[in-house]
Protein backbone atom coordinates (compact mmCIF):
# COMPACT_ATOMS: atom_id res chain seq x y z
CA UNK A 1 52.72 82.60 104.79
CA UNK A 2 56.20 81.26 104.13
CA UNK A 3 57.48 77.84 105.21
CA UNK A 4 60.44 77.67 107.60
CA UNK A 5 62.54 74.84 109.01
CA UNK A 6 64.78 74.81 112.07
CA UNK A 7 67.54 72.18 112.16
CA UNK A 8 68.91 71.38 115.62
CA UNK A 9 71.18 68.72 117.10
CA UNK A 10 74.58 68.11 118.66
CA UNK A 11 77.88 69.31 117.26
CA UNK A 12 79.27 66.51 115.05
CA UNK A 13 75.79 65.00 115.15
CA UNK A 14 74.73 65.33 111.50
CA UNK A 15 73.07 68.76 111.39
CA UNK A 16 75.31 69.93 108.52
CA UNK A 17 74.30 66.86 106.52
CA UNK A 18 70.60 67.59 106.94
CA UNK A 19 71.07 71.32 106.29
CA UNK A 20 73.01 70.47 103.12
CA UNK A 21 70.22 68.16 101.96
CA UNK A 22 67.70 70.96 102.45
CA UNK A 23 69.94 73.47 100.66
CA UNK A 24 70.34 71.19 97.66
CA UNK A 25 66.59 70.59 97.62
CA UNK A 26 65.92 74.30 97.23
CA UNK A 27 65.56 75.55 100.82
CA UNK A 28 67.10 79.00 101.40
CA UNK A 29 69.49 78.37 104.30
CA UNK A 30 70.70 81.97 104.52
CA UNK A 31 74.09 83.64 104.10
CA UNK A 32 77.44 81.95 104.71
CA UNK A 33 80.14 83.38 106.94
CA UNK A 34 82.98 85.03 105.02
CA UNK A 35 86.32 84.21 106.64
CA UNK A 36 89.58 84.89 104.83
CA UNK A 37 91.72 81.82 104.27
CA UNK A 38 88.93 79.26 104.74
CA UNK A 39 87.64 76.86 102.09
CA UNK A 40 84.22 77.18 100.47
CA UNK A 41 81.85 74.88 98.61
CA UNK A 42 81.22 75.47 94.91
CA UNK A 43 78.08 77.44 95.74
CA UNK A 44 79.76 79.67 98.30
CA UNK A 45 79.18 78.04 101.70
CA UNK A 46 82.06 78.00 104.15
CA UNK A 47 83.62 74.55 104.50
CA UNK A 48 86.06 74.18 107.37
CA UNK A 49 88.58 71.37 107.08
CA UNK A 50 86.67 69.51 109.83
CA UNK A 51 83.45 69.86 107.82
CA UNK A 52 84.47 69.92 104.15
CA UNK A 53 80.97 69.42 102.75
CA UNK A 54 79.85 72.76 104.19
CA UNK A 55 78.29 74.21 107.33
CA UNK A 56 75.06 75.67 105.87
CA UNK A 57 74.65 77.98 108.84
CA UNK A 58 73.33 81.50 108.33
CA UNK A 59 76.06 83.76 109.70
CA UNK A 60 73.64 86.33 111.14
CA UNK A 61 71.74 83.61 112.98
CA UNK A 62 74.90 82.08 114.46
CA UNK A 63 76.19 85.46 115.65
CA UNK A 64 72.91 86.31 117.34
CA UNK A 65 72.65 82.86 118.90
CA UNK A 66 76.17 83.14 120.33
CA UNK A 67 75.36 86.58 121.69
CA UNK A 68 72.27 85.25 123.45
CA UNK A 69 74.43 82.57 125.09
CA UNK A 70 76.89 85.18 126.31
CA UNK A 71 79.85 83.80 124.39
CA UNK A 72 81.18 80.41 123.36
CA UNK A 73 78.39 77.85 123.06
CA UNK A 74 80.33 75.15 124.94
CA UNK A 75 79.75 77.09 128.16
CA UNK A 76 76.23 78.47 127.61
CA UNK A 77 74.79 81.11 129.85
CA UNK A 78 71.15 80.86 128.89
CA UNK A 79 69.23 84.07 129.56
CA UNK A 80 65.78 84.13 131.10
CA UNK A 81 64.87 87.02 128.81
CA UNK A 82 66.40 88.55 125.71
CA UNK A 83 67.65 92.10 125.84
CA UNK A 84 65.76 94.73 123.85
CA UNK A 85 68.66 94.87 121.39
CA UNK A 86 68.58 91.08 120.92
CA UNK A 87 64.82 91.11 120.42
CA UNK A 88 65.18 93.80 117.76
CA UNK A 89 67.96 91.88 116.00
CA UNK A 90 65.89 88.70 116.00
CA UNK A 91 62.80 90.42 114.61
CA UNK A 92 64.88 92.08 111.90
CA UNK A 93 66.59 88.80 111.01
CA UNK A 94 63.36 86.81 110.86
CA UNK A 95 61.81 89.55 108.74
CA UNK A 96 64.73 89.36 106.30
CA UNK A 97 64.61 85.58 106.11
CA UNK A 98 60.85 85.64 105.62
CA UNK A 99 61.36 87.30 102.24
CA UNK A 100 61.95 83.74 100.97
CA UNK A 101 58.93 81.49 100.53
CA UNK A 102 60.87 78.47 101.83
CA UNK A 103 63.76 79.01 104.24
CA UNK A 104 65.69 77.30 106.97
CA UNK A 105 68.02 77.90 109.92
CA UNK A 106 70.64 75.58 111.39
CA UNK A 107 72.93 76.06 114.38
CA UNK A 108 74.29 73.66 116.99
CA UNK A 109 73.55 76.33 119.60
CA UNK A 110 69.82 75.98 118.86
CA UNK A 111 69.66 73.33 121.57
CA UNK A 112 69.89 76.28 123.98
CA UNK A 113 68.66 79.28 121.97
CA UNK A 114 66.14 77.49 119.76
CA UNK A 115 63.12 78.28 121.97
CA UNK A 116 63.64 82.01 121.44
CA UNK A 117 63.91 81.55 117.68
CA UNK A 118 60.91 79.20 117.51
CA UNK A 119 58.70 81.64 119.40
CA UNK A 120 59.61 84.40 116.96
CA UNK A 121 59.68 82.32 113.76
CA UNK A 122 56.29 80.64 114.20
CA UNK A 123 54.53 84.03 114.17
CA UNK A 124 55.82 84.70 110.66
CA UNK A 125 56.02 81.27 109.03
CA UNK A 126 54.57 77.78 108.87
CA UNK A 127 57.23 76.12 111.01
CA UNK A 128 58.77 72.67 111.35
CA UNK A 129 61.57 71.54 113.67
CA UNK A 130 64.04 68.84 112.61
CA UNK A 131 66.11 67.29 115.42
CA UNK A 132 69.06 65.27 114.12
CA UNK A 133 70.32 62.48 116.35
CA UNK A 134 73.44 60.31 116.12
CA UNK A 135 74.99 57.47 118.09
CA UNK A 136 76.33 59.15 121.24
CA UNK A 137 79.64 57.27 121.33
CA UNK A 138 80.35 58.27 117.74
CA UNK A 139 79.42 61.89 118.50
CA UNK A 140 81.79 61.91 121.48
CA UNK A 141 84.68 60.54 119.41
CA UNK A 142 84.22 63.08 116.62
CA UNK A 143 83.55 65.88 119.09
CA UNK A 144 86.83 65.32 120.96
CA UNK A 145 88.80 65.13 117.72
CA UNK A 146 87.22 68.19 116.16
CA UNK A 147 87.62 70.38 119.23
CA UNK A 148 90.95 69.03 120.47
CA UNK A 149 92.55 72.47 120.07
CA UNK A 150 90.18 73.72 122.80
CA UNK A 151 91.70 71.29 125.35
CA UNK A 152 88.30 69.75 126.07
CA UNK A 153 88.60 66.66 128.28
CA UNK A 154 86.39 63.59 127.74
CA UNK A 155 84.50 64.14 131.01
CA UNK A 156 83.81 67.77 130.11
CA UNK A 157 82.61 66.71 126.67
CA UNK A 158 80.31 64.09 128.20
CA UNK A 159 78.82 66.67 130.55
CA UNK A 160 78.31 69.13 127.70
CA UNK A 161 76.72 66.55 125.38
CA UNK A 162 74.42 65.49 128.21
CA UNK A 163 73.33 69.11 128.65
CA UNK A 164 72.73 69.40 124.90
CA UNK A 165 70.64 66.22 124.88
CA UNK A 166 68.43 67.51 127.70
CA UNK A 167 68.17 70.92 126.03
CA UNK A 168 67.05 69.30 122.77
CA UNK A 169 64.30 67.54 124.71
CA UNK A 170 63.17 70.90 126.10
CA UNK A 171 63.29 72.39 122.59
CA UNK A 172 60.95 69.68 121.31
CA UNK A 173 58.67 70.43 124.26
CA UNK A 174 58.55 74.13 123.36
CA UNK A 175 57.76 73.22 119.75
CA UNK A 176 54.87 71.08 120.98
CA UNK A 177 53.50 73.93 123.09
CA UNK A 178 53.60 76.20 120.03
CA UNK A 179 51.96 73.60 117.81
CA UNK A 180 55.10 73.19 115.69
CA UNK A 181 55.67 69.66 114.29
CA UNK A 182 58.98 68.14 115.41
CA UNK A 183 60.69 65.57 113.17
CA UNK A 184 63.40 63.34 114.65
CA UNK A 185 65.85 61.79 112.21
CA UNK A 186 68.84 59.51 112.80
CA UNK A 187 72.09 60.36 111.04
CA UNK A 188 72.95 56.66 110.70
CA UNK A 189 69.70 56.13 108.78
CA UNK A 190 70.56 58.95 106.37
CA UNK A 191 73.98 57.62 105.41
CA UNK A 192 72.75 54.01 105.43
CA UNK A 193 69.89 54.55 102.99
CA UNK A 194 70.10 58.09 101.60
CA UNK A 195 67.57 57.66 98.80
CA UNK A 196 64.80 56.47 101.11
CA UNK A 197 65.54 58.85 104.02
CA UNK A 198 66.03 61.93 101.85
CA UNK A 199 62.71 61.24 100.12
CA UNK A 200 61.01 60.76 103.51
CA UNK A 201 62.62 63.88 104.95
CA UNK A 202 61.72 66.12 102.04
CA UNK A 203 58.19 64.72 101.80
CA UNK A 204 57.68 65.39 105.51
CA UNK A 205 59.13 68.89 105.29
CA UNK A 206 57.29 70.02 102.18
CA UNK A 207 53.91 68.33 102.78
CA UNK A 208 51.50 69.02 99.95
CA UNK A 209 53.41 72.06 98.69
CA UNK A 210 56.34 70.55 96.87
CA UNK A 211 58.55 72.83 94.74
CA UNK A 212 61.25 70.21 94.21
CA UNK A 213 62.52 69.31 90.77
CA UNK A 214 64.05 65.93 89.90
CA UNK A 215 67.42 67.67 89.69
CA UNK A 216 67.08 69.03 93.22
CA UNK A 217 66.16 65.62 94.60
CA UNK A 218 69.14 64.08 92.81
CA UNK A 219 71.49 66.73 94.24
CA UNK A 220 70.07 66.26 97.74
CA UNK A 221 70.68 62.50 97.63
CA UNK A 222 74.13 62.90 96.06
CA UNK A 223 75.12 65.32 98.84
CA UNK A 224 75.07 62.48 101.38
CA UNK A 225 78.55 60.94 101.56
CA UNK A 226 78.76 58.02 104.03
CA UNK A 227 82.53 57.72 103.58
CA UNK A 228 83.17 61.31 104.61
CA UNK A 229 80.69 61.42 107.48
CA UNK A 230 80.26 65.15 106.74
CA UNK A 231 82.64 65.97 109.55
CA UNK A 232 85.89 64.66 111.02
CA UNK A 233 86.78 61.31 109.50
CA UNK A 234 87.25 58.43 111.98
């Protein structure tokens, strides 16, 4: 059975940092989006100007997750049940991802769609859930700056982030019901002491089956850039 990791959290909350750590440590994070005119990392992951270190989101996963929400994730319309077409897409996607012995998925929309993915993923892989948390005031500041072109007001952002926080709590609850270990990690801890936290994170993720090389560990630690914050700079 393969090993799989779901990374969930708030937008501007540090999920790209954790996903990048996993990618550099040898976890297959999927296939990048291909958008003309955008920047990319050296190894081919899309890197928007607001997130220059890379997104590390599997494009197929993000598209399906958005479809489940009925459109833009800021105004989620969470379904009680998936359509037959969505179920078939999810099964096909998980089957494709399961070709890798160690793989991961990351999307900010997982706060709302994660339960569907967890229920499907855990039948095919030895699962773990990583929930990334960050100081809420800092998240709000970065969130408003990053999405200012969407005319999002502070009150609307606060309401949305509150909904995400509650949804993440429900996601952890679903993981518990399925017997999936949930790991909570603070973004401030990662950038404050990357060597220690990266070692802890990878040790927790890999358990006794550890395919890491010293070069991969070094790349994973070097990926953390406290000055850049992995998103919009202050």
